[in-house]
C-alpha cells in the first residue's frame, strides 16, 4: 500500500491546487477526490498482478513509497513535456501500470548470499 500512497500523493497535489482555485460546491469537490482515489488505484493493479504471478521483489515500506512518488512524477512528466497529450491518458495509465508491475520485481534488501 505504500507504493499506492506515494503515487496517490503525487496525484492529489494538482487536485488540491485546482480545488482551491475553483469556486465549486462541496459535493463536486468530494466527487473529484473520490474519482482521483479510484482512478489512481487502476495502475496499482499492475503491482498486485505481478505479486499474483509470484514476483519475488522485496523492498522496505519507505522504498515502496519513494517508488510510488517517482512513478507519479514520471507520469506527470510525460504530460508536462508533451510526450503524451490529454487525449492519450489511457496510454499514460498503461505506462504507469507497467511501471507498477516492474516495481514488484525489484529487490533492494540484502540476502545472506550478498554478505
N, C-alpha and C. Protein backbone atom coordinates (compact mmCIF):
# COMPACT_ATOMS: atom_id res chain seq x y z
N UNK A 1 0.81 -1.19 0.00
CA UNK A 1 0.00 0.00 0.00
C UNK A 1 0.86 1.27 0.00
N UNK A 2 2.10 1.17 0.46
CA UNK A 2 2.97 2.34 0.47
C UNK A 2 3.25 2.82 -0.95
N UNK A 3 3.35 1.88 -1.87
CA UNK A 3 3.54 2.23 -3.28
C UNK A 3 2.36 3.06 -3.77
N UNK A 4 1.17 2.62 -3.44
CA UNK A 4 -0.05 3.33 -3.83
C UNK A 4 -0.11 4.71 -3.16
N UNK A 5 0.23 4.79 -1.88
CA UNK A 5 0.17 6.07 -1.18
C UNK A 5 1.15 7.08 -1.77
N UNK A 6 2.33 6.64 -2.17
CA UNK A 6 3.29 7.53 -2.81
C UNK A 6 2.76 8.05 -4.13
N UNK A 7 2.18 7.16 -4.92
CA UNK A 7 1.60 7.55 -6.20
C UNK A 7 0.41 8.48 -5.99
N UNK A 8 -0.43 8.17 -5.01
CA UNK A 8 -1.61 8.98 -4.73
C UNK A 8 -1.22 10.38 -4.27
N UNK A 9 -0.15 10.49 -3.51
CA UNK A 9 0.32 11.80 -3.06
C UNK A 9 0.61 12.71 -4.25
N UNK A 10 1.26 12.17 -5.25
CA UNK A 10 1.59 12.96 -6.44
C UNK A 10 0.31 13.30 -7.21
N UNK A 11 -0.66 12.40 -7.24
CA UNK A 11 -1.90 12.64 -7.97
C UNK A 11 -2.80 13.64 -7.25
N UNK A 12 -2.75 13.67 -5.92
CA UNK A 12 -3.61 14.57 -5.16
C UNK A 12 -3.12 16.02 -5.17
N UNK A 13 -1.83 16.22 -5.35
CA UNK A 13 -1.29 17.58 -5.32
C UNK A 13 -1.96 18.50 -6.34
N UNK A 14 -2.00 18.14 -7.64
CA UNK A 14 -2.66 19.05 -8.59
C UNK A 14 -4.15 19.21 -8.31
N UNK A 15 -4.78 18.15 -7.80
CA UNK A 15 -6.20 18.23 -7.49
C UNK A 15 -6.46 19.24 -6.38
N UNK A 16 -5.68 19.19 -5.34
CA UNK A 16 -5.86 20.11 -4.22
C UNK A 16 -5.63 21.55 -4.68
N UNK A 17 -4.61 21.78 -5.48
CA UNK A 17 -4.34 23.11 -6.01
C UNK A 17 -5.53 23.60 -6.83
N UNK A 18 -6.07 22.74 -7.69
CA UNK A 18 -7.20 23.12 -8.54
C UNK A 18 -8.46 23.37 -7.72
N UNK A 19 -8.70 22.55 -6.70
CA UNK A 19 -9.90 22.73 -5.87
C UNK A 19 -9.89 24.06 -5.13
N UNK A 20 -8.71 24.52 -4.71
CA UNK A 20 -8.64 25.80 -4.03
C UNK A 20 -8.77 26.98 -4.98
N UNK A 21 -8.48 26.76 -6.26
CA UNK A 21 -8.59 27.83 -7.24
C UNK A 21 -10.01 27.98 -7.77
N UNK A 22 -10.77 26.90 -7.80
CA UNK A 22 -12.11 26.93 -8.36
C UNK A 22 -13.14 27.20 -7.27
N UNK A 23 -14.24 27.77 -7.67
CA UNK A 23 -15.33 28.02 -6.75
C UNK A 23 -16.44 27.01 -7.08
N UNK A 24 -16.31 25.80 -6.52
CA UNK A 24 -17.29 24.75 -6.79
C UNK A 24 -17.88 24.26 -5.47
N UNK A 25 -18.96 23.52 -5.59
CA UNK A 25 -19.66 23.05 -4.40
C UNK A 25 -18.86 21.95 -3.69
N UNK A 26 -19.21 21.72 -2.44
CA UNK A 26 -18.56 20.69 -1.62
C UNK A 26 -18.78 19.31 -2.23
N UNK A 27 -19.97 19.06 -2.75
CA UNK A 27 -20.25 17.74 -3.35
C UNK A 27 -19.39 17.51 -4.59
N UNK A 28 -19.13 18.56 -5.37
CA UNK A 28 -18.25 18.43 -6.53
C UNK A 28 -16.82 18.16 -6.11
N UNK A 29 -16.41 18.80 -5.03
CA UNK A 29 -15.05 18.56 -4.51
C UNK A 29 -14.91 17.12 -4.04
N UNK A 30 -15.92 16.65 -3.30
CA UNK A 30 -15.90 15.28 -2.81
C UNK A 30 -15.89 14.28 -3.96
N UNK A 31 -16.70 14.52 -4.97
CA UNK A 31 -16.74 13.66 -6.14
C UNK A 31 -15.37 13.62 -6.83
N UNK A 32 -14.72 14.77 -6.96
CA UNK A 32 -13.41 14.83 -7.60
C UNK A 32 -12.37 14.03 -6.82
N UNK A 33 -12.41 14.14 -5.51
CA UNK A 33 -11.45 13.40 -4.67
C UNK A 33 -11.68 11.89 -4.80
N UNK A 34 -12.95 11.47 -4.78
CA UNK A 34 -13.26 10.04 -4.91
C UNK A 34 -12.80 9.51 -6.26
N UNK A 35 -13.02 10.27 -7.31
CA UNK A 35 -12.59 9.84 -8.65
C UNK A 35 -11.07 9.72 -8.72
N UNK A 36 -10.35 10.66 -8.13
CA UNK A 36 -8.88 10.57 -8.13
C UNK A 36 -8.42 9.33 -7.38
N UNK A 37 -9.05 9.03 -6.24
CA UNK A 37 -8.69 7.81 -5.50
C UNK A 37 -8.92 6.57 -6.35
N UNK A 38 -10.06 6.50 -7.00
CA UNK A 38 -10.37 5.32 -7.82
C UNK A 38 -9.49 5.24 -9.06
N UNK A 39 -9.31 6.36 -9.74
CA UNK A 39 -8.52 6.35 -10.98
C UNK A 39 -7.06 6.04 -10.69
N UNK A 40 -6.52 6.50 -9.54
CA UNK A 40 -5.14 6.18 -9.22
C UNK A 40 -4.96 4.75 -8.75
N UNK A 41 -6.05 4.11 -8.40
CA UNK A 41 -5.96 2.72 -7.97
C UNK A 41 -5.79 1.77 -9.15
N UNK A 42 -6.25 2.16 -10.32
CA UNK A 42 -6.19 1.29 -11.50
C UNK A 42 -4.75 0.88 -11.83
N UNK A 43 -3.78 1.79 -11.92
CA UNK A 43 -2.41 1.34 -12.21
C UNK A 43 -1.82 0.46 -11.12
N UNK A 44 -2.26 0.65 -9.88
CA UNK A 44 -1.74 -0.15 -8.77
C UNK A 44 -2.08 -1.63 -8.95
N UNK A 45 -3.09 -1.94 -9.73
CA UNK A 45 -3.45 -3.33 -10.00
C UNK A 45 -2.29 -4.06 -10.68
N UNK A 46 -1.43 -3.32 -11.39
CA UNK A 46 -0.24 -3.91 -12.01
C UNK A 46 0.68 -4.52 -10.97
N UNK A 47 0.83 -3.86 -9.83
CA UNK A 47 1.66 -4.38 -8.74
C UNK A 47 1.04 -5.66 -8.19
N UNK A 48 -0.27 -5.63 -7.96
CA UNK A 48 -0.94 -6.83 -7.45
C UNK A 48 -0.86 -7.99 -8.44
N UNK A 49 -1.00 -7.69 -9.73
CA UNK A 49 -0.91 -8.74 -10.74
C UNK A 49 0.47 -9.40 -10.70
N UNK A 50 1.51 -8.59 -10.59
CA UNK A 50 2.86 -9.14 -10.52
C UNK A 50 3.03 -10.00 -9.27
N UNK A 51 2.47 -9.57 -8.15
CA UNK A 51 2.56 -10.38 -6.92
C UNK A 51 1.78 -11.68 -7.06
N UNK A 52 0.66 -11.65 -7.78
CA UNK A 52 -0.09 -12.89 -8.05
C UNK A 52 0.71 -13.84 -8.93
N UNK A 53 1.56 -13.26 -9.79
CA UNK A 53 2.42 -14.07 -10.66
C UNK A 53 3.73 -14.43 -9.97
N UNK A 54 3.75 -14.32 -8.65
CA UNK A 54 4.87 -14.72 -7.79
C UNK A 54 6.11 -13.85 -7.96
N UNK A 55 5.94 -12.54 -8.07
CA UNK A 55 7.08 -11.63 -8.11
C UNK A 55 7.81 -11.71 -6.78
N UNK A 56 9.11 -11.83 -6.81
CA UNK A 56 9.91 -12.04 -5.60
C UNK A 56 10.54 -10.76 -5.07
N UNK A 57 10.14 -9.60 -5.57
CA UNK A 57 10.72 -8.34 -5.13
C UNK A 57 10.45 -8.06 -3.67
N UNK A 58 11.48 -7.64 -2.96
CA UNK A 58 11.36 -7.30 -1.54
C UNK A 58 12.05 -5.96 -1.31
N UNK A 59 11.25 -4.98 -0.90
CA UNK A 59 11.79 -3.67 -0.56
C UNK A 59 11.09 -3.16 0.71
N UNK A 60 11.69 -2.18 1.33
CA UNK A 60 11.10 -1.63 2.56
C UNK A 60 9.91 -0.74 2.21
N UNK A 61 9.12 -0.41 3.23
CA UNK A 61 7.95 0.44 3.02
C UNK A 61 8.37 1.82 2.53
N UNK A 62 9.45 2.35 3.07
CA UNK A 62 9.95 3.66 2.67
C UNK A 62 10.33 3.65 1.18
N UNK A 63 11.00 2.58 0.75
CA UNK A 63 11.41 2.47 -0.64
C UNK A 63 10.20 2.35 -1.55
N UNK A 64 9.19 1.59 -1.13
CA UNK A 64 7.97 1.49 -1.92
C UNK A 64 7.30 2.86 -2.06
N UNK A 65 7.28 3.62 -0.98
CA UNK A 65 6.69 4.96 -1.03
C UNK A 65 7.45 5.84 -2.03
N UNK A 66 8.78 5.78 -1.99
CA UNK A 66 9.61 6.56 -2.93
C UNK A 66 9.36 6.09 -4.36
N UNK A 67 9.22 4.77 -4.59
CA UNK A 67 8.89 4.26 -5.93
C UNK A 67 7.55 4.84 -6.39
N UNK A 68 6.57 4.87 -5.51
CA UNK A 68 5.26 5.41 -5.86
C UNK A 68 5.33 6.87 -6.25
N UNK A 69 6.05 7.66 -5.46
CA UNK A 69 6.23 9.07 -5.78
C UNK A 69 6.95 9.22 -7.12
N UNK A 70 7.99 8.42 -7.33
CA UNK A 70 8.76 8.50 -8.57
C UNK A 70 7.90 8.15 -9.79
N UNK A 71 7.10 7.11 -9.67
CA UNK A 71 6.24 6.71 -10.78
C UNK A 71 5.21 7.81 -11.06
N UNK A 72 4.67 8.41 -10.02
CA UNK A 72 3.73 9.52 -10.21
C UNK A 72 4.38 10.71 -10.91
N UNK A 73 5.61 11.02 -10.54
CA UNK A 73 6.34 12.12 -11.17
C UNK A 73 6.63 11.80 -12.63
N UNK A 74 6.99 10.55 -12.91
CA UNK A 74 7.24 10.14 -14.30
C UNK A 74 5.96 10.32 -15.13
N UNK A 75 4.83 9.90 -14.58
CA UNK A 75 3.58 10.06 -15.33
C UNK A 75 3.27 11.54 -15.58
N UNK A 76 3.42 12.36 -14.57
CA UNK A 76 3.17 13.79 -14.76
C UNK A 76 4.15 14.40 -15.75
N UNK A 77 5.39 13.94 -15.76
CA UNK A 77 6.38 14.46 -16.69
C UNK A 77 6.03 14.09 -18.13
N UNK A 78 5.44 12.92 -18.34
CA UNK A 78 5.03 12.54 -19.70
C UNK A 78 4.04 13.54 -20.29
N UNK A 79 3.15 14.04 -19.46
CA UNK A 79 2.18 15.02 -19.94
C UNK A 79 2.75 16.43 -19.93
N UNK A 80 3.57 16.75 -18.95
CA UNK A 80 4.14 18.10 -18.85
C UNK A 80 5.06 18.40 -20.03
N UNK A 81 5.89 17.43 -20.41
CA UNK A 81 6.83 17.63 -21.51
C UNK A 81 6.25 17.23 -22.86
N UNK A 82 4.95 17.02 -22.92
CA UNK A 82 4.20 16.75 -24.16
C UNK A 82 4.63 15.47 -24.88
N UNK A 83 5.10 14.49 -24.12
CA UNK A 83 5.29 13.17 -24.72
C UNK A 83 3.93 12.54 -24.97
N UNK A 84 2.98 12.85 -24.09
CA UNK A 84 1.59 12.39 -24.23
C UNK A 84 0.67 13.60 -24.13
N UNK A 85 -0.46 13.53 -24.84
CA UNK A 85 -1.47 14.58 -24.74
C UNK A 85 -2.57 14.13 -23.79
N UNK A 86 -3.47 15.04 -23.46
CA UNK A 86 -4.57 14.68 -22.57
C UNK A 86 -5.46 13.61 -23.18
N UNK A 87 -5.53 13.55 -24.51
CA UNK A 87 -6.33 12.51 -25.17
C UNK A 87 -5.68 11.13 -25.04
N UNK A 88 -4.41 11.09 -24.69
CA UNK A 88 -3.68 9.83 -24.56
C UNK A 88 -3.53 9.41 -23.10
N UNK A 89 -4.47 9.78 -22.27
CA UNK A 89 -4.35 9.45 -20.85
C UNK A 89 -4.41 7.95 -20.61
N UNK A 90 -5.08 7.21 -21.49
CA UNK A 90 -5.12 5.75 -21.35
C UNK A 90 -3.73 5.15 -21.53
N UNK A 91 -2.97 5.71 -22.45
CA UNK A 91 -1.59 5.25 -22.65
C UNK A 91 -0.76 5.56 -21.41
N UNK A 92 -0.96 6.73 -20.83
CA UNK A 92 -0.26 7.09 -19.59
C UNK A 92 -0.59 6.13 -18.46
N UNK A 93 -1.87 5.76 -18.36
CA UNK A 93 -2.28 4.80 -17.33
C UNK A 93 -1.64 3.45 -17.57
N UNK A 94 -1.55 3.03 -18.82
CA UNK A 94 -0.92 1.74 -19.15
C UNK A 94 0.57 1.77 -18.82
N UNK A 95 1.24 2.89 -19.10
CA UNK A 95 2.66 3.01 -18.78
C UNK A 95 2.87 2.90 -17.27
N UNK A 96 2.02 3.57 -16.50
CA UNK A 96 2.14 3.52 -15.05
C UNK A 96 1.82 2.11 -14.55
N UNK A 97 0.83 1.46 -15.15
CA UNK A 97 0.51 0.07 -14.82
C UNK A 97 1.76 -0.81 -15.00
N UNK A 98 2.45 -0.63 -16.12
CA UNK A 98 3.67 -1.42 -16.38
C UNK A 98 4.78 -1.09 -15.38
N UNK A 99 4.90 0.18 -15.00
CA UNK A 99 5.93 0.56 -14.02
C UNK A 99 5.63 -0.05 -12.65
N UNK A 100 4.36 -0.08 -12.27
CA UNK A 100 3.98 -0.75 -11.02
C UNK A 100 4.28 -2.24 -11.11
N UNK A 101 4.01 -2.83 -12.26
CA UNK A 101 4.28 -4.26 -12.47
C UNK A 101 5.77 -4.53 -12.29
N UNK A 102 6.60 -3.70 -12.89
CA UNK A 102 8.05 -3.85 -12.80
C UNK A 102 8.53 -3.64 -11.36
N UNK A 103 7.92 -2.70 -10.66
CA UNK A 103 8.33 -2.41 -9.27
C UNK A 103 8.16 -3.61 -8.36
N UNK A 104 7.24 -4.50 -8.69
CA UNK A 104 7.02 -5.69 -7.86
C UNK A 104 8.19 -6.67 -7.96
N UNK A 105 9.00 -6.55 -8.99
CA UNK A 105 10.13 -7.46 -9.18
C UNK A 105 11.45 -6.90 -8.65
N UNK A 106 11.46 -5.68 -8.20
CA UNK A 106 12.69 -5.04 -7.72
C UNK A 106 12.95 -5.45 -6.28
N UNK A 107 14.18 -5.85 -6.01
CA UNK A 107 14.61 -6.19 -4.65
C UNK A 107 15.78 -5.31 -4.27
N UNK A 108 15.66 -4.70 -3.10
CA UNK A 108 16.78 -3.89 -2.60
C UNK A 108 17.31 -4.42 -1.28
N UNK A 109 16.61 -5.35 -0.66
CA UNK A 109 17.06 -5.90 0.61
C UNK A 109 18.20 -6.88 0.37
N UNK A 110 19.18 -6.84 1.25
CA UNK A 110 20.32 -7.76 1.14
C UNK A 110 19.90 -9.15 1.61
N UNK A 111 20.45 -10.15 0.96
CA UNK A 111 20.23 -11.53 1.38
C UNK A 111 21.50 -12.05 2.01
N UNK A 112 21.44 -13.27 2.54
CA UNK A 112 22.61 -13.86 3.17
C UNK A 112 23.74 -14.09 2.18
N UNK A 113 23.39 -14.35 0.91
CA UNK A 113 24.44 -14.60 -0.08
C UNK A 113 25.16 -13.32 -0.47
N UNK A 114 24.55 -12.13 -0.23
CA UNK A 114 25.22 -10.87 -0.55
C UNK A 114 26.32 -10.54 0.44
N UNK A 115 26.28 -11.08 1.63
CA UNK A 115 27.25 -10.74 2.68
C UNK A 115 28.58 -11.43 2.44
